Amino acid sequence: MTKGIDVSHLNGQPGANPINWNSVAASPSTNGPVQFTFIKASEGVTLKDPATSYNAQGAKNAGILFGYYHFARPGANAAADEANNFYQTLSNINIPPTYTYPYALDLETNTGLQPNDFLTWVEDFMTTFLGNFAGPALPAIIIYGAPDFLDNNLPPTHTLGQQFPLWVAHVDVPAPRLPKGWTDWTIWQYAWNEQIAGISSNTVDADLAKN
């Protein structure tokens, strides 16, 4: 397995204790050195994370593989509008991701949608976001979520797991529980408060990937 982290401006941003990516890459940590990271790019319809460009360039220069994630607000906004915010944010940054899973949809909130409507929202987001890419080979996008949240907000017979890998958030357990619809996990977020050299905040999310 390989060790990773996921970060946003809350872990540091230019002018306010920015992440030292060379220190992150050079220092040992729990479960081995950091080899990949997911960087927050956007949230909702308008928010663009102020540290995205800095973190992407820093990870790239330090030799850490990186992808980007979007924090979703289902029910608060149209899925297509959020997907376009994610894509436009990445286009403006123009630092191509290097990780095996270049993009992630972060599912942690739901503003009043019933399971079938929540599923439709996710499907619409994926269709819109991936539709921005030309060519027959679409990039991989992974779904992030906690088992309880996904089980409570998706219909039990959904087929997202047949289309999108799972980045499961399940901390302080020896192994993560799988939500309905998935038969395996690809990335496991196992901690929310690791200390990583080069990052001043003490609430770094830590991950393990199977590849």
Protein backbone atom coordinates (compact mmCIF):
# COMPACT_ATOMS: atom_id res chain seq x y z
CA MET A 1 0.00 0.00 0.00
CA THR A 2 1.06 3.61 -0.50
CA LYS A 3 0.61 6.50 1.92
CA GLY A 4 -1.20 9.69 0.99
CA ILE A 5 -2.77 12.80 2.46
CA ASP A 6 -5.53 15.17 1.43
CA VAL A 7 -5.24 18.90 1.97
CA SER A 8 -6.96 22.25 1.56
CA HIS A 9 -6.31 25.86 2.56
CA LEU A 10 -7.14 24.79 6.12
CA ASN A 11 -3.77 23.03 6.23
CA GLY A 12 -1.94 26.19 5.17
CA GLN A 13 -2.00 28.65 2.33
CA PRO A 14 0.36 31.18 0.78
CA GLY A 15 1.10 33.91 3.30
CA ALA A 16 -0.28 31.91 6.21
CA ASN A 17 1.92 28.93 7.15
CA PRO A 18 1.95 27.31 3.71
CA ILE A 19 2.69 23.61 3.36
CA ASN A 20 6.38 22.85 2.84
CA TRP A 21 6.05 20.11 0.26
CA ASN A 22 9.75 19.28 0.21
CA SER A 23 9.54 18.52 3.92
CA VAL A 24 6.42 16.44 3.37
CA ALA A 25 8.21 14.35 0.75
CA ALA A 26 11.46 13.96 2.67
CA SER A 27 10.18 13.00 6.10
CA PRO A 28 8.99 9.58 7.29
CA SER A 29 5.50 9.29 8.71
CA THR A 30 3.06 6.69 9.96
CA ASN A 31 2.60 3.97 7.33
CA GLY A 32 5.55 5.23 5.30
CA PRO A 33 6.44 8.37 3.35
CA VAL A 34 3.76 10.46 1.67
CA GLN A 35 3.63 9.44 -1.99
CA PHE A 36 0.36 11.03 -3.15
CA THR A 37 -2.06 13.75 -2.20
CA PHE A 38 -5.55 14.95 -3.05
CA ILE A 39 -5.78 18.75 -3.15
CA LYS A 40 -9.05 20.60 -2.68
CA ALA A 41 -9.88 22.65 -5.77
CA SER A 42 -13.46 23.80 -5.35
CA GLU A 43 -16.67 23.65 -3.36
CA GLY A 44 -20.25 24.28 -4.39
CA VAL A 45 -20.85 26.62 -7.33
CA THR A 46 -18.47 29.50 -6.67
CA LEU A 47 -15.84 28.59 -4.08
CA LYS A 48 -12.31 28.05 -5.34
CA ASP A 49 -9.79 26.96 -2.74
CA PRO A 50 -7.15 29.71 -2.40
CA ALA A 51 -4.28 27.25 -1.86
CA THR A 52 -4.92 24.92 -4.80
CA SER A 53 -2.36 26.28 -7.23
CA TYR A 54 0.32 26.60 -4.56
CA ASN A 55 -0.27 23.06 -3.30
CA ALA A 56 -0.35 21.53 -6.77
CA GLN A 57 2.88 23.19 -7.84
CA GLY A 58 4.52 22.35 -4.52
CA ALA A 59 3.53 18.69 -4.67
CA LYS A 60 4.68 18.47 -8.28
CA ASN A 61 8.06 20.03 -7.51
CA ALA A 62 8.54 17.70 -4.54
CA GLY A 63 7.77 14.59 -6.60
CA ILE A 64 4.50 13.77 -4.84
CA LEU A 65 1.73 12.51 -7.11
CA PHE A 66 -1.42 14.59 -6.84
CA GLY A 67 -5.06 14.77 -7.81
CA TYR A 68 -7.83 17.27 -7.14
CA TYR A 69 -11.15 17.02 -5.28
CA HIS A 70 -14.42 18.92 -5.27
CA PHE A 71 -16.45 19.30 -2.07
CA ALA A 72 -20.04 18.76 -3.14
CA ARG A 73 -23.18 20.50 -1.88
CA PRO A 74 -26.00 18.28 -3.21
CA GLY A 75 -29.42 19.82 -2.79
CA ALA A 76 -28.01 23.30 -2.32
CA ASN A 77 -26.94 23.70 -5.95
CA ALA A 78 -27.47 22.12 -9.36
CA ALA A 79 -25.03 19.30 -10.02
CA ALA A 80 -24.06 20.68 -13.44
CA ASP A 81 -23.18 24.07 -11.96
CA GLU A 82 -20.90 22.47 -9.37
CA ALA A 83 -19.28 20.23 -11.97
CA ASN A 84 -18.55 23.25 -14.13
CA ASN A 85 -17.05 25.10 -11.16
CA PHE A 86 -14.70 22.15 -10.57
CA TYR A 87 -13.69 21.94 -14.21
CA GLN A 88 -13.24 25.69 -14.63
CA THR A 89 -11.16 25.92 -11.47
CA LEU A 90 -8.82 23.23 -12.78
CA SER A 91 -8.66 24.88 -16.19
CA ASN A 92 -7.65 28.19 -14.62
CA ILE A 93 -4.94 26.52 -12.52
CA ASN A 94 -3.63 24.60 -15.53
CA ILE A 95 -1.40 22.22 -13.55
CA PRO A 96 -2.38 18.74 -14.80
CA PRO A 97 -2.83 16.10 -12.10
CA THR A 98 -0.31 13.27 -11.93
CA TYR A 99 -2.00 10.69 -9.70
CA THR A 100 -3.65 7.49 -10.95
CA TYR A 101 -6.99 8.92 -9.80
CA PRO A 102 -6.73 12.54 -10.92
CA TYR A 103 -10.16 13.68 -9.70
CA ALA A 104 -12.43 12.99 -6.72
CA LEU A 105 -16.00 13.93 -5.79
CA ASP A 106 -16.25 14.50 -2.03
CA LEU A 107 -19.69 13.52 -0.72
CA GLU A 108 -20.24 14.64 2.89
CA THR A 109 -23.36 16.82 2.82
CA ASN A 110 -26.94 16.61 1.64
CA THR A 111 -29.43 19.48 1.73
CA GLY A 112 -32.76 17.71 1.75
CA LEU A 113 -32.46 15.30 -1.18
CA GLN A 114 -34.07 11.88 -0.95
CA PRO A 115 -31.85 8.91 -1.92
CA ASN A 116 -33.05 8.64 -5.52
CA ASP A 117 -32.61 12.38 -6.05
CA PHE A 118 -29.21 12.30 -4.38
CA LEU A 119 -28.17 9.54 -6.77
CA THR A 120 -29.42 11.57 -9.72
CA TRP A 121 -27.40 14.54 -8.48
CA VAL A 122 -24.21 12.48 -8.35
CA GLU A 123 -24.85 11.00 -11.79
CA ASP A 124 -25.52 14.45 -13.26
CA PHE A 125 -22.32 15.79 -11.73
CA MET A 126 -20.28 12.97 -13.22
CA THR A 127 -21.89 13.30 -16.64
CA THR A 128 -21.30 17.04 -16.76
CA PHE A 129 -17.76 16.98 -15.41
CA LEU A 130 -16.54 14.12 -17.58
CA GLY A 131 -18.33 15.59 -20.58
CA ASN A 132 -15.82 18.43 -20.56
CA PHE A 133 -13.03 16.06 -21.60
CA ALA A 134 -12.54 15.23 -25.27
CA GLY A 135 -11.68 11.79 -26.59
CA PRO A 136 -12.86 8.24 -25.93
CA ALA A 137 -10.64 7.68 -22.87
CA LEU A 138 -12.20 9.66 -20.04
CA PRO A 139 -10.12 10.38 -16.91
CA ALA A 140 -10.75 8.41 -13.75
CA ILE A 141 -12.80 10.01 -11.01
CA ILE A 142 -13.22 8.50 -7.56
CA ILE A 143 -16.03 8.93 -5.03
CA TYR A 144 -15.16 9.90 -1.46
CA GLY A 145 -17.51 9.26 1.42
CA ALA A 146 -18.09 7.66 4.80
CA PRO A 147 -19.99 4.34 4.82
CA ASP A 148 -22.83 5.59 6.99
CA PHE A 149 -23.29 8.76 4.96
CA LEU A 150 -23.33 6.95 1.62
CA ASP A 151 -25.69 4.25 2.91
CA ASN A 152 -28.09 6.84 4.34
CA ASN A 153 -28.15 9.04 1.24
CA LEU A 154 -28.00 6.62 -1.70
CA PRO A 155 -30.61 4.00 -2.62
CA PRO A 156 -29.36 0.52 -1.65
CA THR A 157 -29.58 -0.73 -5.24
CA HIS A 158 -27.45 2.01 -6.80
CA THR A 159 -24.72 1.01 -9.26
CA LEU A 160 -22.17 3.78 -8.68
CA GLY A 161 -19.73 1.17 -7.43
CA GLN A 162 -19.68 -0.44 -10.86
CA GLN A 163 -18.58 2.85 -12.44
CA PHE A 164 -16.50 4.73 -9.90
CA PRO A 165 -13.84 3.53 -7.41
CA LEU A 166 -14.33 4.18 -3.72
CA TRP A 167 -12.29 6.43 -1.46
CA VAL A 168 -13.74 5.38 1.86
CA ALA A 169 -13.57 7.57 4.98
CA HIS A 170 -13.57 5.38 8.07
CA VAL A 171 -11.18 6.36 10.85
CA ASP A 172 -9.95 4.62 14.00
CA VAL A 173 -10.82 1.13 12.80
CA PRO A 174 -8.52 -1.76 11.78
CA ALA A 175 -10.25 -1.98 8.40
CA PRO A 176 -12.93 0.15 6.75
CA ARG A 177 -16.52 -0.92 6.32
CA LEU A 178 -17.80 -0.88 2.75
CA PRO A 179 -20.99 1.03 1.93
CA LYS A 180 -23.67 -0.66 -0.15
CA GLY A 181 -22.90 -0.69 -3.85
CA TRP A 182 -19.15 -1.26 -3.57
CA THR A 183 -17.33 -4.58 -3.25
CA ASP A 184 -13.94 -3.11 -2.42
CA TRP A 185 -12.19 0.14 -1.59
CA THR A 186 -9.38 1.75 -3.57
CA ILE A 187 -8.28 4.42 -1.09
CA TRP A 188 -8.92 4.41 2.65
CA GLN A 189 -8.90 7.60 4.69
CA TYR A 190 -7.90 6.11 8.02
CA ALA A 191 -7.10 9.23 10.08
CA TRP A 192 -8.13 12.87 10.35
CA ASN A 193 -5.45 14.20 12.68
CA GLU A 194 -2.00 12.98 11.69
CA GLN A 195 1.05 15.14 12.17
CA ILE A 196 3.04 15.45 8.96
CA ALA A 197 6.38 17.23 8.69
CA GLY A 198 6.04 20.42 6.68
CA ILE A 199 2.38 20.96 7.62
CA SER A 200 1.75 23.22 10.61
CA SER A 201 -1.83 22.09 11.23
CA ASN A 202 -2.28 18.99 13.39
CA THR A 203 -5.40 17.82 11.57
CA VAL A 204 -4.02 16.28 8.41
CA ASP A 205 -6.18 13.64 6.76
CA ALA A 206 -4.16 10.49 6.07
CA ASP A 207 -4.90 7.83 3.45
CA LEU A 208 -3.73 4.45 2.21
CA ALA A 209 -4.07 3.34 -1.42
CA LYS A 210 -3.92 -0.22 -2.66
CA ASN A 211 -1.72 0.66 -5.63
